[in-house]
Amino acid sequence: MKKLKISLVALVFTVGIGGAVVQKIQAAPKPLDPTYNWNGSGPLKSGQDLSKTVSQAQSDYGCTGASTACATGVPTSGSGPDAHIFQP
């Protein structure tokens, strides 16, 4: 019985670690994700320029809302319009 409990704990731990790894892989920028040169006034990177994807900039600036402008990104790879991220 003790061996079964240890095995179950090990299985739960392994599944938890595996889930965390999968989330990191999914959140990583894909080769086709456009990058932007970011300039903004977010709470974490006030006034700094970044050359990153939208999701990376949201993480670095700490802006994932939809109301107040946080930063604007000018495309550095690919083409298209400027990107914007917002504070809550």
Protein backbone atom coordinates (compact mmCIF):
# COMPACT_ATOMS: atom_id res chain seq x y z
CA MET A 1 0.00 0.00 0.00
CA LYS A 2 2.84 2.37 0.85
CA LYS A 3 4.48 1.66 -2.51
CA LEU A 4 1.21 2.53 -4.29
CA LYS A 5 0.96 5.87 -2.46
CA ILE A 6 4.55 6.74 -3.37
CA SER A 7 3.87 5.81 -6.99
CA LEU A 8 0.74 7.98 -7.09
CA VAL A 9 2.60 10.95 -5.60
CA ALA A 10 5.38 10.52 -8.16
CA LEU A 11 2.81 10.33 -10.98
CA VAL A 12 1.02 13.49 -9.82
CA PHE A 13 4.35 15.33 -9.52
CA THR A 14 5.42 14.23 -13.00
CA VAL A 15 2.09 15.29 -14.55
CA GLY A 16 2.35 18.69 -12.82
CA ILE A 17 5.86 19.30 -14.10
CA GLY A 18 4.87 18.12 -17.58
CA GLY A 19 1.93 20.56 -17.62
CA ALA A 20 4.21 23.45 -16.69
CA VAL A 21 6.62 22.55 -19.47
CA VAL A 22 3.79 22.38 -22.02
CA GLN A 23 2.56 25.83 -20.96
CA LYS A 24 6.05 27.31 -21.40
CA ILE A 25 6.36 25.76 -24.85
CA GLN A 26 2.97 27.10 -25.93
CA ALA A 27 3.77 30.59 -24.61
CA ALA A 28 7.13 30.76 -26.39
CA PRO A 29 7.18 32.94 -29.49
CA LYS A 30 6.65 31.07 -32.72
CA PRO A 31 8.97 31.70 -35.69
CA LEU A 32 6.11 33.35 -37.59
CA ASP A 33 5.06 35.70 -34.77
CA PRO A 34 5.86 39.27 -35.83
CA THR A 35 8.13 41.34 -33.60
CA TYR A 36 7.74 45.01 -32.83
CA ASN A 37 9.90 47.80 -31.48
CA TRP A 38 7.89 48.76 -28.38
CA ASN A 39 7.79 52.13 -26.72
CA GLY A 40 5.42 52.88 -23.90
CA SER A 41 4.82 53.80 -20.32
CA GLY A 42 3.78 50.53 -18.73
CA PRO A 43 4.30 50.00 -15.01
CA LEU A 44 7.28 47.65 -15.36
CA LYS A 45 9.33 48.99 -18.29
CA SER A 46 8.50 52.68 -18.30
CA GLY A 47 10.01 54.45 -21.30
CA GLN A 48 12.09 51.49 -22.55
CA ASP A 49 12.13 50.22 -26.11
CA LEU A 50 11.68 46.51 -26.72
CA SER A 51 11.94 44.40 -29.87
CA LYS A 52 9.54 41.61 -28.97
CA THR A 53 6.28 39.90 -29.89
CA VAL A 54 2.95 41.18 -28.57
CA SER A 55 2.76 38.52 -25.84
CA GLN A 56 6.35 39.17 -24.74
CA ALA A 57 5.70 42.92 -24.55
CA GLN A 58 2.50 42.35 -22.54
CA SER A 59 4.52 40.30 -20.07
CA ASP A 60 7.43 42.77 -19.88
CA TYR A 61 5.26 45.87 -19.57
CA GLY A 62 2.76 44.19 -17.28
CA CYS A 63 -0.13 45.29 -19.50
CA THR A 64 -2.87 42.82 -20.35
CA GLY A 65 -5.96 44.98 -20.07
CA ALA A 66 -8.20 46.69 -22.58
CA SER A 67 -8.78 50.26 -21.44
CA THR A 68 -5.74 52.57 -21.12
CA ALA A 69 -2.96 52.55 -23.74
CA CYS A 70 0.25 51.08 -22.36
CA ALA A 71 2.65 50.72 -25.31
CA THR A 72 2.79 50.93 -29.08
CA GLY A 73 4.85 48.62 -31.26
CA VAL A 74 6.21 49.42 -34.71
CA PRO A 75 6.82 46.26 -36.82
CA THR A 76 10.46 45.14 -36.97
CA SER A 77 9.75 41.85 -38.75
CA GLY A 78 7.12 41.20 -41.36
CA SER A 79 4.69 43.89 -42.35
CA GLY A 80 1.45 45.26 -41.07
CA PRO A 81 0.02 47.94 -38.83
CA ASP A 82 1.40 49.08 -35.51
CA ALA A 83 0.40 46.99 -32.50
CA HIS A 84 -0.98 48.34 -29.22
CA ILE A 85 -1.20 46.87 -25.73
CA PHE A 86 -3.36 48.25 -22.92
CA GLN A 87 -3.51 48.47 -19.14
CA PRO A 88 -6.59 47.30 -17.24
